[in-house]
Amino acid sequence: MLIIQVTNVREVMRKRFGLLGEKVIGKVMDSEAEVEKALIQEMEAAFQEFGIEAKIISAQVPNLVIGNNLELPLKVREERQVNLKRE
């Protein structure tokens, strides 16, 4: 199992939409969810290219690591099953 926490959401949004766009978009939509959605699309394409079948889940978590413990109170935002394309 892999867990990926995007830790630079603000920088990604700023790079993609500029400083003003980042501030406006951050007020209108969930920036973290948007970055995760784009990441999931890229991962899905890469997984299919490498022949990997997987389930990718985007979840809202307040804090993943507390001290040496991994806390996982999850609110699932998106779930996607990646299957190989059959020819």
PDB file of N, CA and C in Angstrom:
ATOM      1  N   MET A   1       0.844  -1.167   0.000  1.00  0.00           N
ATOM      2  CA  MET A   1       0.000   0.000   0.000  1.00  0.00           C
ATOM      3  C   MET A   1       0.896   1.238   0.000  1.00  0.00           C
ATOM      4  N   LEU A   2       0.535   2.186  -0.787  1.00  0.00           N
ATOM      5  CA  LEU A   2       1.227   3.473  -0.813  1.00  0.00           C
ATOM      6  C   LEU A   2       0.282   4.546  -0.297  1.00  0.00           C
ATOM      7  N   ILE A   3       0.810   5.457   0.488  1.00  0.00           N
ATOM      8  CA  ILE A   3       0.051   6.629   0.904  1.00  0.00           C
ATOM      9  C   ILE A   3       0.857   7.835   0.465  1.00  0.00           C
ATOM     10  N   ILE A   4       0.230   8.704  -0.303  1.00  0.00           N
ATOM     11  CA  ILE A   4       0.904   9.902  -0.799  1.00  0.00           C
ATOM     12  C   ILE A   4       0.157  11.110  -0.274  1.00  0.00           C
ATOM     13  N   GLN A   5       0.855  11.966   0.459  1.00  0.00           N
ATOM     14  CA  GLN A   5       0.264  13.205   0.936  1.00  0.00           C
ATOM     15  C   GLN A   5       0.937  14.346   0.183  1.00  0.00           C
ATOM     16  N   VAL A   6       0.168  15.097  -0.567  1.00  0.00           N
ATOM     17  CA  VAL A   6       0.707  16.240  -1.294  1.00  0.00           C
ATOM     18  C   VAL A   6       0.933  17.347  -0.274  1.00  0.00           C
ATOM     19  N   THR A   7       2.172  17.776  -0.114  1.00  0.00           N
ATOM     20  CA  THR A   7       2.514  18.741   0.931  1.00  0.00           C
ATOM     21  C   THR A   7       2.739  20.157   0.410  1.00  0.00           C
ATOM     22  N   ASN A   8       2.641  20.340  -0.899  1.00  0.00           N
ATOM     23  CA  ASN A   8       2.857  21.675  -1.455  1.00  0.00           C
ATOM     24  C   ASN A   8       1.695  22.106  -2.361  1.00  0.00           C
ATOM     25  N   VAL A   9       0.478  21.908  -1.877  1.00  0.00           N
ATOM     26  CA  VAL A   9      -0.718  22.208  -2.673  1.00  0.00           C
ATOM     27  C   VAL A   9      -0.731  23.668  -3.102  1.00  0.00           C
ATOM     28  N   ARG A  10      -0.416  24.573  -2.185  1.00  0.00           N
ATOM     29  CA  ARG A  10      -0.452  26.010  -2.516  1.00  0.00           C
ATOM     30  C   ARG A  10       0.520  26.348  -3.645  1.00  0.00           C
ATOM     31  N   GLU A  11       1.731  25.777  -3.615  1.00  0.00           N
ATOM     32  CA  GLU A  11       2.702  26.058  -4.667  1.00  0.00           C
ATOM     33  C   GLU A  11       2.244  25.496  -6.014  1.00  0.00           C
ATOM     34  N   VAL A  12       1.638  24.310  -5.978  1.00  0.00           N
ATOM     35  CA  VAL A  12       1.138  23.707  -7.215  1.00  0.00           C
ATOM     36  C   VAL A  12       0.045  24.578  -7.810  1.00  0.00           C
ATOM     37  N   MET A  13      -0.884  25.031  -6.976  1.00  0.00           N
ATOM     38  CA  MET A  13      -1.970  25.888  -7.460  1.00  0.00           C
ATOM     39  C   MET A  13      -1.422  27.220  -7.971  1.00  0.00           C
ATOM     40  N   ARG A  14      -0.441  27.776  -7.273  1.00  0.00           N
ATOM     41  CA  ARG A  14       0.161  29.049  -7.697  1.00  0.00           C
ATOM     42  C   ARG A  14       0.857  28.885  -9.045  1.00  0.00           C
ATOM     43  N   LYS A  15       1.563  27.768  -9.222  1.00  0.00           N
ATOM     44  CA  LYS A  15       2.269  27.501 -10.470  1.00  0.00           C
ATOM     45  C   LYS A  15       1.282  27.320 -11.615  1.00  0.00           C
ATOM     46  N   ARG A  16       0.172  26.661 -11.318  1.00  0.00           N
ATOM     47  CA  ARG A  16      -0.807  26.347 -12.361  1.00  0.00           C
ATOM     48  C   ARG A  16      -1.683  27.549 -12.718  1.00  0.00           C
ATOM     49  N   PHE A  17      -2.065  28.359 -11.692  1.00  0.00           N
ATOM     50  CA  PHE A  17      -3.025  29.435 -11.925  1.00  0.00           C
ATOM     51  C   PHE A  17      -2.499  30.824 -11.614  1.00  0.00           C
ATOM     52  N   GLY A  18      -1.267  30.947 -11.144  1.00  0.00           N
ATOM     53  CA  GLY A  18      -0.733  32.247 -10.773  1.00  0.00           C
ATOM     54  C   GLY A  18      -1.172  32.619  -9.369  1.00  0.00           C
ATOM     55  N   LEU A  19      -0.575  33.678  -8.824  1.00  0.00           N
ATOM     56  CA  LEU A  19      -0.848  34.088  -7.451  1.00  0.00           C
ATOM     57  C   LEU A  19      -2.308  34.480  -7.259  1.00  0.00           C
ATOM     58  N   LEU A  20      -2.843  35.293  -8.145  1.00  0.00           N
ATOM     59  CA  LEU A  20      -4.241  35.722  -8.026  1.00  0.00           C
ATOM     60  C   LEU A  20      -5.188  34.549  -8.232  1.00  0.00           C
ATOM     61  N   GLY A  21      -4.907  33.714  -9.237  1.00  0.00           N
ATOM     62  CA  GLY A  21      -5.737  32.549  -9.508  1.00  0.00           C
ATOM     63  C   GLY A  21      -5.764  31.593  -8.329  1.00  0.00           C
ATOM     64  N   GLU A  22      -4.605  31.422  -7.688  1.00  0.00           N
ATOM     65  CA  GLU A  22      -4.531  30.527  -6.527  1.00  0.00           C
ATOM     66  C   GLU A  22      -5.428  31.021  -5.406  1.00  0.00           C
ATOM     67  N   LYS A  23      -5.410  32.338  -5.151  1.00  0.00           N
ATOM     68  CA  LYS A  23      -6.234  32.900  -4.076  1.00  0.00           C
ATOM     69  C   LYS A  23      -7.715  32.799  -4.400  1.00  0.00           C
ATOM     70  N   VAL A  24      -8.083  33.113  -5.636  1.00  0.00           N
ATOM     71  CA  VAL A  24      -9.490  33.062  -6.033  1.00  0.00           C
ATOM     72  C   VAL A  24      -9.994  31.626  -6.036  1.00  0.00           C
ATOM     73  N   ILE A  25      -9.240  30.730  -6.652  1.00  0.00           N
ATOM     74  CA  ILE A  25      -9.654  29.325  -6.743  1.00  0.00           C
ATOM     75  C   ILE A  25      -9.703  28.693  -5.363  1.00  0.00           C
ATOM     76  N   GLY A  26      -8.781  29.072  -4.481  1.00  0.00           N
ATOM     77  CA  GLY A  26      -8.781  28.540  -3.119  1.00  0.00           C
ATOM     78  C   GLY A  26     -10.035  28.898  -2.344  1.00  0.00           C
ATOM     79  N   LYS A  27     -10.665  30.018  -2.704  1.00  0.00           N
ATOM     80  CA  LYS A  27     -11.907  30.426  -2.041  1.00  0.00           C
ATOM     81  C   LYS A  27     -13.122  29.702  -2.616  1.00  0.00           C
ATOM     82  N   VAL A  28     -13.061  29.331  -3.884  1.00  0.00           N
ATOM     83  CA  VAL A  28     -14.207  28.753  -4.586  1.00  0.00           C
ATOM     84  C   VAL A  28     -14.226  27.231  -4.513  1.00  0.00           C
ATOM     85  N   MET A  29     -13.077  26.597  -4.568  1.00  0.00           N
ATOM     86  CA  MET A  29     -13.016  25.136  -4.585  1.00  0.00           C
ATOM     87  C   MET A  29     -11.932  24.630  -3.647  1.00  0.00           C
ATOM     88  N   ASP A  30     -11.946  23.361  -3.389  1.00  0.00           N
ATOM     89  CA  ASP A  30     -10.972  22.712  -2.530  1.00  0.00           C
ATOM     90  C   ASP A  30      -9.684  22.483  -3.330  1.00  0.00           C
ATOM     91  N   SER A  31      -8.676  23.301  -3.066  1.00  0.00           N
ATOM     92  CA  SER A  31      -7.413  23.225  -3.806  1.00  0.00           C
ATOM     93  C   SER A  31      -6.764  21.859  -3.688  1.00  0.00           C
ATOM     94  N   GLU A  32      -6.771  21.302  -2.499  1.00  0.00           N
ATOM     95  CA  GLU A  32      -6.153  19.996  -2.281  1.00  0.00           C
ATOM     96  C   GLU A  32      -6.840  18.924  -3.119  1.00  0.00           C
ATOM     97  N   ALA A  33      -8.159  18.958  -3.166  1.00  0.00           N
ATOM     98  CA  ALA A  33      -8.906  17.975  -3.952  1.00  0.00           C
ATOM     99  C   ALA A  33      -8.601  18.121  -5.440  1.00  0.00           C
ATOM    100  N   GLU A  34      -8.454  19.350  -5.917  1.00  0.00           N
ATOM    101  CA  GLU A  34      -8.144  19.578  -7.331  1.00  0.00           C
ATOM    102  C   GLU A  34      -6.762  19.054  -7.696  1.00  0.00           C
ATOM    103  N   VAL A  35      -5.778  19.294  -6.840  1.00  0.00           N
ATOM    104  CA  VAL A  35      -4.416  18.791  -7.085  1.00  0.00           C
ATOM    105  C   VAL A  35      -4.423  17.269  -7.054  1.00  0.00           C
ATOM    106  N   GLU A  36      -5.141  16.689  -6.098  1.00  0.00           N
ATOM    107  CA  GLU A  36      -5.223  15.234  -6.016  1.00  0.00           C
ATOM    108  C   GLU A  36      -5.905  14.644  -7.246  1.00  0.00           C
ATOM    109  N   LYS A  37      -6.934  15.302  -7.740  1.00  0.00           N
ATOM    110  CA  LYS A  37      -7.644  14.830  -8.928  1.00  0.00           C
ATOM    111  C   LYS A  37      -6.689  14.783 -10.133  1.00  0.00           C
ATOM    112  N   ALA A  38      -5.892  15.847 -10.307  1.00  0.00           N
ATOM    113  CA  ALA A  38      -4.921  15.877 -11.405  1.00  0.00           C
ATOM    114  C   ALA A  38      -3.866  14.796 -11.224  1.00  0.00           C
ATOM    115  N   LEU A  39      -3.421  14.593  -9.995  1.00  0.00           N
ATOM    116  CA  LEU A  39      -2.425  13.563  -9.705  1.00  0.00           C
ATOM    117  C   LEU A  39      -2.976  12.170  -9.990  1.00  0.00           C
ATOM    118  N   ILE A  40      -4.229  11.943  -9.622  1.00  0.00           N
ATOM    119  CA  ILE A  40      -4.863  10.650  -9.875  1.00  0.00           C
ATOM    120  C   ILE A  40      -4.934  10.369 -11.366  1.00  0.00           C
ATOM    121  N   GLN A  41      -5.257  11.368 -12.158  1.00  0.00           N
ATOM    122  CA  GLN A  41      -5.324  11.182 -13.617  1.00  0.00           C
ATOM    123  C   GLN A  41      -3.958  10.783 -14.168  1.00  0.00           C
ATOM    124  N   GLU A  42      -2.903  11.444 -13.701  1.00  0.00           N
ATOM    125  CA  GLU A  42      -1.549  11.116 -14.151  1.00  0.00           C
ATOM    126  C   GLU A  42      -1.142   9.716 -13.691  1.00  0.00           C
ATOM    127  N   MET A  43      -1.459   9.380 -12.457  1.00  0.00           N
ATOM    128  CA  MET A  43      -1.120   8.058 -11.937  1.00  0.00           C
ATOM    129  C   MET A  43      -1.861   6.968 -12.699  1.00  0.00           C
ATOM    130  N   GLU A  44      -3.126   7.213 -13.002  1.00  0.00           N
ATOM    131  CA  GLU A  44      -3.911   6.220 -13.736  1.00  0.00           C
ATOM    132  C   GLU A  44      -3.274   5.922 -15.092  1.00  0.00           C
ATOM    133  N   ALA A  45      -2.874   6.971 -15.803  1.00  0.00           N
ATOM    134  CA  ALA A  45      -2.240   6.782 -17.107  1.00  0.00           C
ATOM    135  C   ALA A  45      -0.917   6.025 -16.968  1.00  0.00           C
ATOM    136  N   ALA A  46      -0.125   6.395 -15.969  1.00  0.00           N
ATOM    137  CA  ALA A  46       1.171   5.729 -15.763  1.00  0.00           C
ATOM    138  C   ALA A  46       0.973   4.269 -15.365  1.00  0.00           C
ATOM    139  N   PHE A  47       0.003   4.001 -14.492  1.00  0.00           N
ATOM    140  CA  PHE A  47      -0.256   2.628 -14.074  1.00  0.00           C
ATOM    141  C   PHE A  47      -0.658   1.771 -15.256  1.00  0.00           C
ATOM    142  N   GLN A  48      -1.531   2.292 -16.098  1.00  0.00           N
ATOM    143  CA  GLN A  48      -1.966   1.527 -17.267  1.00  0.00           C
ATOM    144  C   GLN A  48      -0.797   1.263 -18.205  1.00  0.00           C
ATOM    145  N   GLU A  49       0.071   2.239 -18.353  1.00  0.00           N
ATOM    146  CA  GLU A  49       1.241   2.077 -19.227  1.00  0.00           C
ATOM    147  C   GLU A  49       2.165   0.968 -18.712  1.00  0.00           C
ATOM    148  N   PHE A  50       2.301   0.839 -17.396  1.00  0.00           N
ATOM    149  CA  PHE A  50       3.178  -0.160 -16.799  1.00  0.00           C
ATOM    150  C   PHE A  50       2.472  -1.474 -16.502  1.00  0.00           C
ATOM    151  N   GLY A  51       1.179  -1.564 -16.823  1.00  0.00           N
ATOM    152  CA  GLY A  51       0.446  -2.800 -16.595  1.00  0.00           C
ATOM    153  C   GLY A  51       0.059  -3.023 -15.144  1.00  0.00           C
ATOM    154  N   ILE A  52      -0.101  -1.941 -14.415  1.00  0.00           N
ATOM    155  CA  ILE A  52      -0.446  -2.033 -12.993  1.00  0.00           C
ATOM    156  C   ILE A  52      -1.949  -1.834 -12.829  1.00  0.00           C
ATOM    157  N   GLU A  53      -2.590  -2.759 -12.116  1.00  0.00           N
ATOM    158  CA  GLU A  53      -3.984  -2.583 -11.730  1.00  0.00           C
ATOM    159  C   GLU A  53      -3.987  -2.139 -10.279  1.00  0.00           C
ATOM    160  N   ALA A  54      -4.793  -1.134  -9.955  1.00  0.00           N
ATOM    161  CA  ALA A  54      -4.766  -0.589  -8.600  1.00  0.00           C
ATOM    162  C   ALA A  54      -6.082   0.107  -8.282  1.00  0.00           C
ATOM    163  N   LYS A  55      -6.270   0.400  -7.025  1.00  0.00           N
ATOM    164  CA  LYS A  55      -7.379   1.233  -6.577  1.00  0.00           C
ATOM    165  C   LYS A  55      -6.749   2.493  -5.987  1.00  0.00           C
ATOM    166  N   ILE A  56      -7.128   3.642  -6.497  1.00  0.00           N
ATOM    167  CA  ILE A  56      -6.597   4.914  -6.021  1.00  0.00           C
ATOM    168  C   ILE A  56      -7.722   5.616  -5.269  1.00  0.00           C
ATOM    169  N   ILE A  57      -7.448   6.032  -4.057  1.00  0.00           N
ATOM    170  CA  ILE A  57      -8.459   6.671  -3.229  1.00  0.00           C
ATOM    171  C   ILE A  57      -7.959   8.042  -2.788  1.00  0.00           C
ATOM    172  N   SER A  58      -8.764   9.054  -3.015  1.00  0.00           N
ATOM    173  CA  SER A  58      -8.487  10.398  -2.524  1.00  0.00           C
ATOM    174  C   SER A  58      -9.326  10.591  -1.272  1.00  0.00           C
ATOM    175  N   ALA A  59      -8.673  10.931  -0.167  1.00  0.00           N
ATOM    176  CA  ALA A  59      -9.389  11.067   1.097  1.00  0.00           C
ATOM    177  C   ALA A  59      -8.988  12.355   1.797  1.00  0.00           C
ATOM    178  N   GLN A  60      -9.927  12.908   2.517  1.00  0.00           N
ATOM    179  CA  GLN A  60      -9.658  14.099   3.313  1.00  0.00           C
ATOM    180  C   GLN A  60      -9.210  13.659   4.694  1.00  0.00           C
ATOM    181  N   VAL A  61      -8.007  14.036   5.069  1.00  0.00           N
ATOM    182  CA  VAL A  61      -7.479  13.670   6.376  1.00  0.00           C
ATOM    183  C   VAL A  61      -6.920  14.920   7.052  1.00  0.00           C
ATOM    184  N   PRO A  62      -7.249  15.130   8.320  1.00  0.00           N
ATOM    185  CA  PRO A  62      -6.754  16.319   9.005  1.00  0.00           C
ATOM    186  C   PRO A  62      -5.241  16.321   9.206  1.00  0.00           C
ATOM    187  N   ASN A  63      -4.663  15.200   9.614  1.00  0.00           N
ATOM    188  CA  ASN A  63      -3.221  15.113   9.824  1.00  0.00           C
ATOM    189  C   ASN A  63      -2.829  13.652   9.762  1.00  0.00           C
ATOM    190  N   LEU A  64      -1.928  13.326   8.847  1.00  0.00           N
ATOM    191  CA  LEU A  64      -1.556  11.926   8.678  1.00  0.00           C
ATOM    192  C   LEU A  64      -0.605  11.416   9.748  1.00  0.00           C
ATOM    193  N   VAL A  65       0.418  12.188  10.092  1.00  0.00           N
ATOM    194  CA  VAL A  65       1.442  11.694  11.007  1.00  0.00           C
ATOM    195  C   VAL A  65       1.446  12.533  12.282  1.00  0.00           C
ATOM    196  N   ILE A  66       1.291  11.854  13.405  1.00  0.00           N
ATOM    197  CA  ILE A  66       1.372  12.505  14.704  1.00  0.00           C
ATOM    198  C   ILE A  66       2.453  11.764  15.479  1.00  0.00           C
ATOM    199  N   GLY A  67       3.577  12.427  15.687  1.00  0.00           N
ATOM    200  CA  GLY A  67       4.714  11.756  16.327  1.00  0.00           C
ATOM    201  C   GLY A  67       5.199  10.639  15.435  1.00  0.00           C
ATOM    202  N   ASN A  68       5.260   9.440  15.972  1.00  0.00           N
ATOM    203  CA  ASN A  68       5.682   8.268  15.207  1.00  0.00           C
ATOM    204  C   ASN A  68       4.500   7.432  14.748  1.00  0.00           C
ATOM    205  N   ASN A  69       3.283   7.914  14.964  1.00  0.00           N
ATOM    206  CA  ASN A  69       2.090   7.154  14.621  1.00  0.00           C
ATOM    207  C   ASN A  69       1.434   7.676  13.357  1.00  0.00           C
ATOM    208  N   LEU A  70       0.846   6.782  12.615  1.00  0.00           N
ATOM    209  CA  LEU A  70       0.099   7.125  11.414  1.00  0.00           C
ATOM    210  C   LEU A  70      -1.382   7.101  11.765  1.00  0.00           C
ATOM    211  N   GLU A  71      -2.028   8.264  11.702  1.00  0.00           N
ATOM    212  CA  GLU A  71      -3.446   8.381  12.019  1.00  0.00           C
ATOM    213  C   GLU A  71      -4.224   8.411  10.708  1.00  0.00           C
ATOM    214  N   LEU A  72      -5.271   7.599  10.598  1.00  0.00           N
ATOM    215  CA  LEU A  72      -6.021   7.519   9.349  1.00  0.00           C
ATOM    216  C   LEU A  72      -7.535   7.698   9.519  1.00  0.00           C
ATOM    217  N   PRO A  73      -7.988   8.832  10.037  1.00  0.00           N
ATOM    218  CA  PRO A  73      -9.424   9.090  10.011  1.00  0.00           C
ATOM    219  C   PRO A  73      -9.785   9.600   8.616  1.00  0.00           C
ATOM    220  N   LEU A  74     -10.365   8.758   7.774  1.00  0.00           N
ATOM    221  CA  LEU A  74     -10.544   9.068   6.360  1.00  0.00           C
ATOM    222  C   LEU A  74     -11.961   9.501   6.009  1.00  0.00           C
ATOM    223  N   LYS A  75     -12.053  10.520   5.185  1.00  0.00           N
ATOM    224  CA  LYS A  75     -13.301  10.878   4.519  1.00  0.00           C
ATOM    225  C   LYS A  75     -12.985  10.788   3.027  1.00  0.00           C
ATOM    226  N   VAL A  76     -13.459   9.745   2.382  1.00  0.00           N
ATOM    227  CA  VAL A  76     -13.105   9.479   0.987  1.00  0.00           C
ATOM    228  C   VAL A  76     -13.742  10.532   0.075  1.00  0.00           C
ATOM    229  N   ARG A  77     -12.904  11.180  -0.753  1.00  0.00           N
ATOM    230  CA  ARG A  77     -13.376  12.165  -1.723  1.00  0.00           C
ATOM    231  C   ARG A  77     -13.606  11.531  -3.084  1.00  0.00           C
ATOM    232  N   GLU A  78     -12.715  10.658  -3.465  1.00  0.00           N
ATOM    233  CA  GLU A  78     -12.805  10.036  -4.779  1.00  0.00           C
ATOM    234  C   GLU A  78     -12.126   8.684  -4.719  1.00  0.00           C
ATOM    235  N   GLU A  79     -12.661   7.749  -5.458  1.00  0.00           N
ATOM    236  CA  GLU A  79     -12.057   6.423  -5.545  1.00  0.00           C
ATOM    237  C   GLU A  79     -12.102   6.012  -7.004  1.00  0.00           C
ATOM    238  N   ARG A  80     -11.010   5.490  -7.492  1.00  0.00           N
ATOM    239  CA  ARG A  80     -10.953   5.086  -8.887  1.00  0.00           C
ATOM    240  C   ARG A  80     -10.247   3.752  -8.999  1.00  0.00           C
ATOM    241  N   GLN A  81     -10.852   2.839  -9.710  1.00  0.00           N
ATOM    242  CA  GLN A  81     -10.249   1.536  -9.981  1.00  0.00           C
ATOM    243  C   GLN A  81      -9.503   1.630 -11.301  1.00  0.00           C
ATOM    244  N   VAL A  82      -8.241   1.261 -11.317  1.00  0.00           N
ATOM    245  CA  VAL A  82      -7.438   1.280 -12.534  1.00  0.00           C
ATOM    246  C   VAL A  82      -7.308  -0.148 -13.031  1.00  0.00           C
ATOM    247  N   ASN A  83      -7.841  -0.404 -14.203  1.00  0.00           N
ATOM    248  CA  ASN A  83      -7.740  -1.730 -14.823  1.00  0.00           C
ATOM    249  C   ASN A  83      -6.988  -1.602 -16.135  1.00  0.00           C
ATOM    250  N   LEU A  84      -6.392  -2.682 -16.555  1.00  0.00           N
ATOM    251  CA  LEU A  84      -5.665  -2.680 -17.820  1.00  0.00           C
ATOM    252  C   LEU A  84      -6.661  -2.628 -18.966  1.00  0.00           C
ATOM    253  N   LYS A  85      -6.293  -1.909 -20.014  1.00  0.00           N
ATOM    254  CA  LYS A  85      -7.148  -1.852 -21.194  1.00  0.00           C
ATOM    255  C   LYS A  85      -6.942  -3.115 -21.996  1.00  0.00           C
ATOM    256  N   ARG A  86      -7.989  -3.803 -22.266  1.00  0.00           N
ATOM    257  CA  ARG A  86      -7.927  -5.051 -23.036  1.00  0.00           C
ATOM    258  C   ARG A  86      -8.091  -4.735 -24.512  1.00  0.00           C
ATOM    259  N   GLU A  87      -7.234  -5.322 -25.304  1.00  0.00           N
ATOM    260  CA  GLU A  87      -7.304  -5.066 -26.743  1.00  0.00           C
ATOM    261  C   GLU A  87      -8.047  -6.151 -27.458  1.00  0.00           C
TER     262      GLU A  87
END
